[in-house]
Amino acid sequence: NSRKFSSAANDKHINEVIARSDDVIQPFILGCETKNPKLILISITCIQKLISHDAVPDTSVTIIVKTLSDMHRQEIELLRILQTILLLLTSTKLLHGETLAQVH
């Protein structure tokens, strides 16, 4: 039982370390900007995982929303975009104010 607690604490620590760097999200943003459907799917799935584990830095939320908005205008992966926005709204306190206003 103490191993589970230790593992959970370690995972939380790792997520906190990841969330301190914008560099972690950048490859997935670049993947979303490609025209390759497989790469886009992998990238948006990874972004969703990072969001769900609270491993997204505050400073990256704006670029995530901008990227999703650009993908929406191009009608790319619309369902995944909605899922990601929903995750941002429910999993974090990061999406609010001006950043939230960009979602359309």
PDB file of N, CA and C in Angstrom:
ATOM      1  N   ASN A   1       0.816  -1.188   0.000  1.00  0.00           N
ATOM      2  CA  ASN A   1       0.000   0.000   0.000  1.00  0.00           C
ATOM      3  C   ASN A   1       0.868   1.264   0.000  1.00  0.00           C
ATOM      4  N   SER A   2       1.980   1.226   0.731  1.00  0.00           N
ATOM      5  CA  SER A   2       2.883   2.379   0.748  1.00  0.00           C
ATOM      6  C   SER A   2       3.560   2.561  -0.603  1.00  0.00           C
ATOM      7  N   ARG A   3       3.705   1.478  -1.370  1.00  0.00           N
ATOM      8  CA  ARG A   3       4.281   1.586  -2.716  1.00  0.00           C
ATOM      9  C   ARG A   3       3.358   2.379  -3.633  1.00  0.00           C
ATOM     10  N   LYS A   4       2.037   2.160  -3.502  1.00  0.00           N
ATOM     11  CA  LYS A   4       1.078   2.906  -4.323  1.00  0.00           C
ATOM     12  C   LYS A   4       1.139   4.383  -3.993  1.00  0.00           C
ATOM     13  N   PHE A   5       1.210   4.697  -2.689  1.00  0.00           N
ATOM     14  CA  PHE A   5       1.295   6.089  -2.269  1.00  0.00           C
ATOM     15  C   PHE A   5       2.573   6.722  -2.802  1.00  0.00           C
ATOM     16  N   SER A   6       3.683   6.006  -2.690  1.00  0.00           N
ATOM     17  CA  SER A   6       4.963   6.501  -3.174  1.00  0.00           C
ATOM     18  C   SER A   6       4.930   6.729  -4.675  1.00  0.00           C
ATOM     19  N   SER A   7       4.327   5.811  -5.410  1.00  0.00           N
ATOM     20  CA  SER A   7       4.211   5.938  -6.855  1.00  0.00           C
ATOM     21  C   SER A   7       3.340   7.134  -7.229  1.00  0.00           C
ATOM     22  N   ALA A   8       2.229   7.314  -6.535  1.00  0.00           N
ATOM     23  CA  ALA A   8       1.340   8.438  -6.804  1.00  0.00           C
ATOM     24  C   ALA A   8       2.034   9.760  -6.516  1.00  0.00           C
ATOM     25  N   ALA A   9       2.773   9.818  -5.434  1.00  0.00           N
ATOM     26  CA  ALA A   9       3.508  11.039  -5.089  1.00  0.00           C
ATOM     27  C   ALA A   9       4.588  11.320  -6.124  1.00  0.00           C
ATOM     28  N   ASN A  10       5.259  10.274  -6.593  1.00  0.00           N
ATOM     29  CA  ASN A  10       6.287  10.429  -7.611  1.00  0.00           C
ATOM     30  C   ASN A  10       5.670  10.924  -8.923  1.00  0.00           C
ATOM     31  N   ASP A  11       4.518  10.356  -9.327  1.00  0.00           N
ATOM     32  CA  ASP A  11       3.835  10.792 -10.543  1.00  0.00           C
ATOM     33  C   ASP A  11       3.439  12.257 -10.448  1.00  0.00           C
ATOM     34  N   LYS A  12       2.934  12.662  -9.293  1.00  0.00           N
ATOM     35  CA  LYS A  12       2.544  14.054  -9.098  1.00  0.00           C
ATOM     36  C   LYS A  12       3.759  14.961  -9.226  1.00  0.00           C
ATOM     37  N   HIS A  13       4.869  14.543  -8.646  1.00  0.00           N
ATOM     38  CA  HIS A  13       6.098  15.328  -8.732  1.00  0.00           C
ATOM     39  C   HIS A  13       6.555  15.457 -10.191  1.00  0.00           C
ATOM     40  N   ILE A  14       6.517  14.363 -10.928  1.00  0.00           N
ATOM     41  CA  ILE A  14       6.910  14.383 -12.339  1.00  0.00           C
ATOM     42  C   ILE A  14       6.021  15.335 -13.125  1.00  0.00           C
ATOM     43  N   ASN A  15       4.705  15.282 -12.896  1.00  0.00           N
ATOM     44  CA  ASN A  15       3.767  16.169 -13.589  1.00  0.00           C
ATOM     45  C   ASN A  15       4.054  17.631 -13.272  1.00  0.00           C
ATOM     46  N   GLU A  16       4.403  17.924 -12.022  1.00  0.00           N
ATOM     47  CA  GLU A  16       4.730  19.289 -11.638  1.00  0.00           C
ATOM     48  C   GLU A  16       5.991  19.772 -12.340  1.00  0.00           C
ATOM     49  N   VAL A  17       6.977  18.900 -12.466  1.00  0.00           N
ATOM     50  CA  VAL A  17       8.222  19.259 -13.160  1.00  0.00           C
ATOM     51  C   VAL A  17       7.942  19.510 -14.644  1.00  0.00           C
ATOM     52  N   ILE A  18       7.149  18.642 -15.245  1.00  0.00           N
ATOM     53  CA  ILE A  18       6.796  18.809 -16.662  1.00  0.00           C
ATOM     54  C   ILE A  18       6.048  20.115 -16.875  1.00  0.00           C
ATOM     55  N   ALA A  19       5.142  20.435 -15.960  1.00  0.00           N
ATOM     56  CA  ALA A  19       4.307  21.628 -16.105  1.00  0.00           C
ATOM     57  C   ALA A  19       5.085  22.935 -15.965  1.00  0.00           C
ATOM     58  N   ARG A  20       6.332  22.871 -15.586  1.00  0.00           N
ATOM     59  CA  ARG A  20       7.148  24.084 -15.449  1.00  0.00           C
ATOM     60  C   ARG A  20       7.781  24.521 -16.762  1.00  0.00           C
ATOM     61  N   SER A  21       7.706  23.698 -17.791  1.00  0.00           N
ATOM     62  CA  SER A  21       8.421  23.998 -19.038  1.00  0.00           C
ATOM     63  C   SER A  21       7.487  24.008 -20.237  1.00  0.00           C
ATOM     64  N   ASP A  22       7.536  25.097 -20.989  1.00  0.00           N
ATOM     65  CA  ASP A  22       6.768  25.181 -22.231  1.00  0.00           C
ATOM     66  C   ASP A  22       7.344  24.267 -23.304  1.00  0.00           C
ATOM     67  N   ASP A  23       8.593  23.862 -23.135  1.00  0.00           N
ATOM     68  CA  ASP A  23       9.250  23.031 -24.146  1.00  0.00           C
ATOM     69  C   ASP A  23       8.583  21.671 -24.309  1.00  0.00           C
ATOM     70  N   VAL A  24       7.933  21.182 -23.286  1.00  0.00           N
ATOM     71  CA  VAL A  24       7.308  19.861 -23.337  1.00  0.00           C
ATOM     72  C   VAL A  24       6.144  19.845 -24.319  1.00  0.00           C
ATOM     73  N   ILE A  25       5.374  20.906 -24.374  1.00  0.00           N
ATOM     74  CA  ILE A  25       4.176  20.946 -25.216  1.00  0.00           C
ATOM     75  C   ILE A  25       4.504  21.298 -26.669  1.00  0.00           C
ATOM     76  N   GLN A  26       5.635  21.944 -26.893  1.00  0.00           N
ATOM     77  CA  GLN A  26       5.975  22.460 -28.225  1.00  0.00           C
ATOM     78  C   GLN A  26       5.966  21.410 -29.344  1.00  0.00           C
ATOM     79  N   PRO A  27       6.543  20.225 -29.176  1.00  0.00           N
ATOM     80  CA  PRO A  27       6.502  19.245 -30.276  1.00  0.00           C
ATOM     81  C   PRO A  27       5.073  18.843 -30.661  1.00  0.00           C
ATOM     82  N   PHE A  28       4.182  18.823 -29.681  1.00  0.00           N
ATOM     83  CA  PHE A  28       2.800  18.442 -29.961  1.00  0.00           C
ATOM     84  C   PHE A  28       2.049  19.570 -30.666  1.00  0.00           C
ATOM     85  N   ILE A  29       2.390  20.806 -30.333  1.00  0.00           N
ATOM     86  CA  ILE A  29       1.819  21.954 -31.043  1.00  0.00           C
ATOM     87  C   ILE A  29       2.273  21.927 -32.501  1.00  0.00           C
ATOM     88  N   LEU A  30       3.548  21.679 -32.708  1.00  0.00           N
ATOM     89  CA  LEU A  30       4.069  21.597 -34.077  1.00  0.00           C
ATOM     90  C   LEU A  30       3.411  20.445 -34.843  1.00  0.00           C
ATOM     91  N   GLY A  31       3.179  19.326 -34.168  1.00  0.00           N
ATOM     92  CA  GLY A  31       2.494  18.194 -34.800  1.00  0.00           C
ATOM     93  C   GLY A  31       1.081  18.545 -35.213  1.00  0.00           C
ATOM     94  N   CYS A  32       0.402  19.338 -34.398  1.00  0.00           N
ATOM     95  CA  CYS A  32      -0.964  19.763 -34.732  1.00  0.00           C
ATOM     96  C   CYS A  32      -0.989  20.717 -35.918  1.00  0.00           C
ATOM     97  N   GLU A  33       0.101  21.409 -36.154  1.00  0.00           N
ATOM     98  CA  GLU A  33       0.166  22.382 -37.246  1.00  0.00           C
ATOM     99  C   GLU A  33       0.495  21.740 -38.591  1.00  0.00           C
ATOM    100  N   THR A  34       0.829  20.459 -38.588  1.00  0.00           N
ATOM    101  CA  THR A  34       1.118  19.776 -39.851  1.00  0.00           C
ATOM    102  C   THR A  34      -0.179  19.438 -40.566  1.00  0.00           C
ATOM    103  N   LYS A  35      -0.070  18.976 -41.758  1.00  0.00           N
ATOM    104  CA  LYS A  35      -1.241  18.524 -42.520  1.00  0.00           C
ATOM    105  C   LYS A  35      -1.367  17.000 -42.472  1.00  0.00           C
ATOM    106  N   ASN A  36      -0.519  16.355 -41.706  1.00  0.00           N
ATOM    107  CA  ASN A  36      -0.510  14.900 -41.624  1.00  0.00           C
ATOM    108  C   ASN A  36      -1.533  14.432 -40.585  1.00  0.00           C
ATOM    109  N   PRO A  37      -2.630  13.786 -41.025  1.00  0.00           N
ATOM    110  CA  PRO A  37      -3.697  13.383 -40.090  1.00  0.00           C
ATOM    111  C   PRO A  37      -3.219  12.477 -38.954  1.00  0.00           C
ATOM    112  N   LYS A  38      -2.311  11.547 -39.234  1.00  0.00           N
ATOM    113  CA  LYS A  38      -1.820  10.653 -38.181  1.00  0.00           C
ATOM    114  C   LYS A  38      -1.019  11.421 -37.136  1.00  0.00           C
ATOM    115  N   LEU A  39      -0.180  12.326 -37.585  1.00  0.00           N
ATOM    116  CA  LEU A  39       0.627  13.127 -36.666  1.00  0.00           C
ATOM    117  C   LEU A  39      -0.253  14.071 -35.845  1.00  0.00           C
ATOM    118  N   ILE A  40      -1.269  14.636 -36.475  1.00  0.00           N
ATOM    119  CA  ILE A  40      -2.208  15.507 -35.758  1.00  0.00           C
ATOM    120  C   ILE A  40      -2.928  14.722 -34.671  1.00  0.00           C
ATOM    121  N   LEU A  41      -3.401  13.534 -35.003  1.00  0.00           N
ATOM    122  CA  LEU A  41      -4.119  12.702 -34.036  1.00  0.00           C
ATOM    123  C   LEU A  41      -3.231  12.339 -32.847  1.00  0.00           C
ATOM    124  N   ILE A  42      -2.006  11.939 -33.123  1.00  0.00           N
ATOM    125  CA  ILE A  42      -1.063  11.601 -32.051  1.00  0.00           C
ATOM    126  C   ILE A  42      -0.790  12.831 -31.184  1.00  0.00           C
ATOM    127  N   SER A  43      -0.558  13.967 -31.818  1.00  0.00           N
ATOM    128  CA  SER A  43      -0.214  15.193 -31.091  1.00  0.00           C
ATOM    129  C   SER A  43      -1.353  15.670 -30.201  1.00  0.00           C
ATOM    130  N   ILE A  44      -2.564  15.693 -30.731  1.00  0.00           N
ATOM    131  CA  ILE A  44      -3.692  16.178 -29.934  1.00  0.00           C
ATOM    132  C   ILE A  44      -4.005  15.208 -28.793  1.00  0.00           C
ATOM    133  N   THR A  45      -3.796  13.919 -29.031  1.00  0.00           N
ATOM    134  CA  THR A  45      -3.982  12.930 -27.966  1.00  0.00           C
ATOM    135  C   THR A  45      -2.966  13.153 -26.843  1.00  0.00           C
ATOM    136  N   CYS A  46      -1.726  13.441 -27.205  1.00  0.00           N
ATOM    137  CA  CYS A  46      -0.691  13.719 -26.196  1.00  0.00           C
ATOM    138  C   CYS A  46      -1.009  14.988 -25.415  1.00  0.00           C
ATOM    139  N   ILE A  47      -1.507  16.011 -26.082  1.00  0.00           N
ATOM    140  CA  ILE A  47      -1.903  17.238 -25.397  1.00  0.00           C
ATOM    141  C   ILE A  47      -3.018  16.937 -24.406  1.00  0.00           C
ATOM    142  N   GLN A  48      -3.978  16.125 -24.823  1.00  0.00           N
ATOM    143  CA  GLN A  48      -5.070  15.742 -23.922  1.00  0.00           C
ATOM    144  C   GLN A  48      -4.538  15.019 -22.686  1.00  0.00           C
ATOM    145  N   LYS A  49      -3.596  14.116 -22.891  1.00  0.00           N
ATOM    146  CA  LYS A  49      -3.010  13.378 -21.760  1.00  0.00           C
ATOM    147  C   LYS A  49      -2.299  14.332 -20.803  1.00  0.00           C
ATOM    148  N   LEU A  50      -1.535  15.270 -21.341  1.00  0.00           N
ATOM    149  CA  LEU A  50      -0.838  16.234 -20.497  1.00  0.00           C
ATOM    150  C   LEU A  50      -1.832  17.079 -19.695  1.00  0.00           C
ATOM    151  N   ILE A  51      -2.905  17.499 -20.341  1.00  0.00           N
ATOM    152  CA  ILE A  51      -3.932  18.285 -19.652  1.00  0.00           C
ATOM    153  C   ILE A  51      -4.556  17.467 -18.533  1.00  0.00           C
ATOM    154  N   SER A  52      -4.909  16.223 -18.833  1.00  0.00           N
ATOM    155  CA  SER A  52      -5.592  15.395 -17.841  1.00  0.00           C
ATOM    156  C   SER A  52      -4.702  15.057 -16.643  1.00  0.00           C
ATOM    157  N   HIS A  53      -3.387  15.158 -16.821  1.00  0.00           N
ATOM    158  CA  HIS A  53      -2.451  14.898 -15.717  1.00  0.00           C
ATOM    159  C   HIS A  53      -1.927  16.195 -15.095  1.00  0.00           C
ATOM    160  N   ASP A  54      -2.584  17.313 -15.424  1.00  0.00           N
ATOM    161  CA  ASP A  54      -2.169  18.628 -14.906  1.00  0.00           C
ATOM    162  C   ASP A  54      -0.693  18.896 -15.168  1.00  0.00           C
ATOM    163  N   ALA A  55      -0.241  18.545 -16.352  1.00  0.00           N
ATOM    164  CA  ALA A  55       1.165  18.721 -16.710  1.00  0.00           C
ATOM    165  C   ALA A  55       1.338  19.765 -17.821  1.00  0.00           C
ATOM    166  N   VAL A  56       0.430  20.737 -17.851  1.00  0.00           N
ATOM    167  CA  VAL A  56       0.509  21.806 -18.845  1.00  0.00           C
ATOM    168  C   VAL A  56       0.821  23.110 -18.120  1.00  0.00           C
ATOM    169  N   PRO A  57       1.888  23.786 -18.536  1.00  0.00           N
ATOM    170  CA  PRO A  57       2.215  25.062 -17.897  1.00  0.00           C
ATOM    171  C   PRO A  57       1.151  26.124 -18.203  1.00  0.00           C
ATOM    172  N   ASP A  58       0.928  27.024 -17.271  1.00  0.00           N
ATOM    173  CA  ASP A  58      -0.027  28.127 -17.472  1.00  0.00           C
ATOM    174  C   ASP A  58       0.260  28.869 -18.769  1.00  0.00           C
ATOM    175  N   THR A  59       1.530  29.055 -19.049  1.00  0.00           N
ATOM    176  CA  THR A  59       1.937  29.841 -20.210  1.00  0.00           C
ATOM    177  C   THR A  59       1.656  29.137 -21.533  1.00  0.00           C
ATOM    178  N   SER A  60       1.380  27.842 -21.509  1.00  0.00           N
ATOM    179  CA  SER A  60       1.112  27.098 -22.743  1.00  0.00           C
ATOM    180  C   SER A  60      -0.360  27.061 -23.123  1.00  0.00           C
ATOM    181  N   VAL A  61      -1.231  27.433 -22.217  1.00  0.00           N
ATOM    182  CA  VAL A  61      -2.672  27.325 -22.488  1.00  0.00           C
ATOM    183  C   VAL A  61      -3.074  28.205 -23.669  1.00  0.00           C
ATOM    184  N   THR A  62      -2.547  29.416 -23.730  1.00  0.00           N
ATOM    185  CA  THR A  62      -2.895  30.325 -24.824  1.00  0.00           C
ATOM    186  C   THR A  62      -2.499  29.739 -26.170  1.00  0.00           C
ATOM    187  N   ILE A  63      -1.310  29.167 -26.275  1.00  0.00           N
ATOM    188  CA  ILE A  63      -0.877  28.589 -27.546  1.00  0.00           C
ATOM    189  C   ILE A  63      -1.683  27.343 -27.889  1.00  0.00           C
ATOM    190  N   ILE A  64      -2.084  26.593 -26.884  1.00  0.00           N
ATOM    191  CA  ILE A  64      -2.936  25.419 -27.141  1.00  0.00           C
ATOM    192  C   ILE A  64      -4.271  25.879 -27.714  1.00  0.00           C
ATOM    193  N   VAL A  65      -4.877  26.892 -27.094  1.00  0.00           N
ATOM    194  CA  VAL A  65      -6.167  27.401 -27.572  1.00  0.00           C
ATOM    195  C   VAL A  65      -6.028  27.975 -28.975  1.00  0.00           C
ATOM    196  N   LYS A  66      -4.965  28.715 -29.239  1.00  0.00           N
ATOM    197  CA  LYS A  66      -4.748  29.271 -30.585  1.00  0.00           C
ATOM    198  C   LYS A  66      -4.607  28.153 -31.609  1.00  0.00           C
ATOM    199  N   THR A  67      -3.849  27.128 -31.282  1.00  0.00           N
ATOM    200  CA  THR A  67      -3.659  25.998 -32.201  1.00  0.00           C
ATOM    201  C   THR A  67      -4.979  25.282 -32.462  1.00  0.00           C
ATOM    202  N   LEU A  68      -5.748  25.048 -31.409  1.00  0.00           N
ATOM    203  CA  LEU A  68      -7.049  24.395 -31.577  1.00  0.00           C
ATOM    204  C   LEU A  68      -7.988  25.255 -32.410  1.00  0.00           C
ATOM    205  N   SER A  69      -7.941  26.558 -32.203  1.00  0.00           N
ATOM    206  CA  SER A  69      -8.775  27.477 -32.974  1.00  0.00           C
ATOM    207  C   SER A  69      -8.396  27.440 -34.457  1.00  0.00           C
ATOM    208  N   ASP A  70      -7.103  27.429 -34.748  1.00  0.00           N
ATOM    209  CA  ASP A  70      -6.641  27.330 -36.142  1.00  0.00           C
ATOM    210  C   ASP A  70      -7.089  26.016 -36.773  1.00  0.00           C
ATOM    211  N   MET A  71      -6.994  24.928 -36.001  1.00  0.00           N
ATOM    212  CA  MET A  71      -7.434  23.622 -36.511  1.00  0.00           C
ATOM    213  C   MET A  71      -8.940  23.626 -36.762  1.00  0.00           C
ATOM    214  N   HIS A  72      -9.692  24.301 -35.890  1.00  0.00           N
ATOM    215  CA  HIS A  72     -11.141  24.383 -36.051  1.00  0.00           C
ATOM    216  C   HIS A  72     -11.506  25.103 -37.344  1.00  0.00           C
ATOM    217  N   ARG A  73     -10.809  26.204 -37.625  1.00  0.00           N
ATOM    218  CA  ARG A  73     -11.070  26.951 -38.862  1.00  0.00           C
ATOM    219  C   ARG A  73     -10.804  26.100 -40.103  1.00  0.00           C
ATOM    220  N   GLN A  74      -9.854  25.186 -39.995  1.00  0.00           N
ATOM    221  CA  GLN A  74      -9.523  24.305 -41.115  1.00  0.00           C
ATOM    222  C   GLN A  74     -10.340  23.013 -41.083  1.00  0.00           C
ATOM    223  N   GLU A  75     -11.229  22.903 -40.082  1.00  0.00           N
ATOM    224  CA  GLU A  75     -12.092  21.733 -39.906  1.00  0.00           C
ATOM    225  C   GLU A  75     -11.285  20.439 -39.775  1.00  0.00           C
ATOM    226  N   ILE A  76     -10.239  20.493 -38.956  1.00  0.00           N
ATOM    227  CA  ILE A  76      -9.386  19.340 -38.704  1.00  0.00           C
ATOM    228  C   ILE A  76      -9.697  18.783 -37.324  1.00  0.00           C
ATOM    229  N   GLU A  77     -10.017  17.494 -37.256  1.00  0.00           N
ATOM    230  CA  GLU A  77     -10.227  16.795 -35.979  1.00  0.00           C
ATOM    231  C   GLU A  77     -11.175  17.554 -35.048  1.00  0.00           C
ATOM    232  N   LEU A  78     -12.348  17.907 -35.541  1.00  0.00           N
ATOM    233  CA  LEU A  78     -13.283  18.723 -34.769  1.00  0.00           C
ATOM    234  C   LEU A  78     -13.692  18.071 -33.448  1.00  0.00           C
ATOM    235  N   LEU A  79     -13.942  16.765 -33.453  1.00  0.00           N
ATOM    236  CA  LEU A  79     -14.317  16.085 -32.226  1.00  0.00           C
ATOM    237  C   LEU A  79     -13.186  16.156 -31.199  1.00  0.00           C
ATOM    238  N   ARG A  80     -11.958  15.920 -31.640  1.00  0.00           N
ATOM    239  CA  ARG A  80     -10.802  15.987 -30.722  1.00  0.00           C
ATOM    240  C   ARG A  80     -10.612  17.407 -30.169  1.00  0.00           C
ATOM    241  N   ILE A  81     -10.885  18.406 -30.997  1.00  0.00           N
ATOM    242  CA  ILE A  81     -10.779  19.793 -30.536  1.00  0.00           C
ATOM    243  C   ILE A  81     -11.770  20.035 -29.405  1.00  0.00           C
ATOM    244  N   LEU A  82     -13.005  19.614 -29.598  1.00  0.00           N
ATOM    245  CA  LEU A  82     -14.027  19.782 -28.561  1.00  0.00           C
ATOM    246  C   LEU A  82     -13.661  19.032 -27.292  1.00  0.00           C
ATOM    247  N   GLN A  83     -13.139  17.821 -27.443  1.00  0.00           N
ATOM    248  CA  GLN A  83     -12.719  17.036 -26.281  1.00  0.00           C
ATOM    249  C   GLN A  83     -11.608  17.758 -25.520  1.00  0.00           C
ATOM    250  N   THR A  84     -10.677  18.340 -26.257  1.00  0.00           N
ATOM    251  CA  THR A  84      -9.540  19.020 -25.633  1.00  0.00           C
ATOM    252  C   THR A  84      -9.993  20.286 -24.909  1.00  0.00           C
ATOM    253  N   ILE A  85     -10.882  21.056 -25.530  1.00  0.00           N
ATOM    254  CA  ILE A  85     -11.414  22.256 -24.886  1.00  0.00           C
ATOM    255  C   ILE A  85     -12.166  21.872 -23.615  1.00  0.00           C
ATOM    256  N   LEU A  86     -12.948  20.809 -23.689  1.00  0.00           N
ATOM    257  CA  LEU A  86     -13.672  20.336 -22.505  1.00  0.00           C
ATOM    258  C   LEU A  86     -12.700  19.947 -21.389  1.00  0.00           C
ATOM    259  N   LEU A  87     -11.615  19.264 -21.749  1.00  0.00           N
ATOM    260  CA  LEU A  87     -10.592  18.913 -20.757  1.00  0.00           C
ATOM    261  C   LEU A  87      -9.984  20.164 -20.127  1.00  0.00           C
ATOM    262  N   LEU A  88      -9.683  21.154 -20.955  1.00  0.00           N
ATOM    263  CA  LEU A  88      -9.117  22.402 -20.432  1.00  0.00           C
ATOM    264  C   LEU A  88     -10.087  23.080 -19.466  1.00  0.00           C
ATOM    265  N   LEU A  89     -11.369  23.038 -19.793  1.00  0.00           N
ATOM    266  CA  LEU A  89     -12.370  23.685 -18.946  1.00  0.00           C
ATOM    267  C   LEU A  89     -12.581  22.955 -17.628  1.00  0.00           C
ATOM    268  N   THR A  90     -12.526  21.629 -17.662  1.00  0.00           N
ATOM    269  CA  THR A  90     -12.856  20.846 -16.471  1.00  0.00           C
ATOM    270  C   THR A  90     -11.642  20.407 -15.656  1.00  0.00           C
ATOM    271  N   SER A  91     -10.493  20.274 -16.279  1.00  0.00           N
ATOM    272  CA  SER A  91      -9.322  19.740 -15.579  1.00  0.00           C
ATOM    273  C   SER A  91      -8.433  20.807 -14.973  1.00  0.00           C
ATOM    274  N   THR A  92      -8.547  22.011 -15.450  1.00  0.00           N
ATOM    275  CA  THR A  92      -7.635  23.056 -14.979  1.00  0.00           C
ATOM    276  C   THR A  92      -8.397  24.326 -14.658  1.00  0.00           C
ATOM    277  N   LYS A  93      -7.739  25.183 -13.981  1.00  0.00           N
ATOM    278  CA  LYS A  93      -8.280  26.520 -13.715  1.00  0.00           C
ATOM    279  C   LYS A  93      -7.595  27.524 -14.655  1.00  0.00           C
ATOM    280  N   LEU A  94      -6.964  26.992 -15.694  1.00  0.00           N
ATOM    281  CA  LEU A  94      -6.144  27.815 -16.570  1.00  0.00           C
ATOM    282  C   LEU A  94      -6.937  28.532 -17.651  1.00  0.00           C
ATOM    283  N   LEU A  95      -8.067  27.973 -18.039  1.00  0.00           N
ATOM    284  CA  LEU A  95      -8.824  28.521 -19.161  1.00  0.00           C
ATOM    285  C   LEU A  95      -9.902  29.457 -18.630  1.00  0.00           C
ATOM    286  N   HIS A  96      -9.619  30.764 -18.703  1.00  0.00           N
ATOM    287  CA  HIS A  96     -10.543  31.766 -18.212  1.00  0.00           C
ATOM    288  C   HIS A  96     -10.240  33.097 -18.876  1.00  0.00           C
ATOM    289  N   GLY A  97     -11.068  34.072 -18.678  1.00  0.00           N
ATOM    290  CA  GLY A  97     -10.829  35.422 -19.155  1.00  0.00           C
ATOM    291  C   GLY A  97     -10.568  35.506 -20.638  1.00  0.00           C
ATOM    292  N   GLU A  98      -9.499  36.204 -21.000  1.00  0.00           N
ATOM    293  CA  GLU A  98      -9.178  36.449 -22.405  1.00  0.00           C
ATOM    294  C   GLU A  98      -8.878  35.140 -23.146  1.00  0.00           C
ATOM    295  N   THR A  99      -8.241  34.205 -22.491  1.00  0.00           N
ATOM    296  CA  THR A  99      -7.934  32.914 -23.129  1.00  0.00           C
ATOM    297  C   THR A  99      -9.224  32.191 -23.477  1.00  0.00           C
ATOM    298  N   LEU A 100     -10.196  32.208 -22.588  1.00  0.00           N
ATOM    299  CA  LEU A 100     -11.482  31.567 -22.833  1.00  0.00           C
ATOM    300  C   LEU A 100     -12.221  32.264 -23.966  1.00  0.00           C
ATOM    301  N   ALA A 101     -12.076  33.566 -24.060  1.00  0.00           N
ATOM    302  CA  ALA A 101     -12.739  34.324 -25.124  1.00  0.00           C
ATOM    303  C   ALA A 101     -12.224  33.948 -26.515  1.00  0.00           C
ATOM    304  N   GLN A 102     -11.012  33.397 -26.586  1.00  0.00           N
ATOM    305  CA  GLN A 102     -10.433  33.001 -27.873  1.00  0.00           C
ATOM    306  C   GLN A 102     -11.049  31.721 -28.412  1.00  0.00           C
ATOM    307  N   VAL A 103     -11.729  30.957 -27.561  1.00  0.00           N
ATOM    308  CA  VAL A 103     -12.321  29.692 -27.974  1.00  0.00           C
ATOM    309  C   VAL A 103     -13.554  30.004 -28.786  1.00  0.00           C
ATOM    310  N   HIS A 104     -13.538  29.606 -30.055  1.00  0.00           N
ATOM    311  CA  HIS A 104     -14.696  29.792 -30.931  1.00  0.00           C
ATOM    312  C   HIS A 104     -14.699  28.820 -32.040  1.00  0.00           C
TER     313      HIS A 104
END
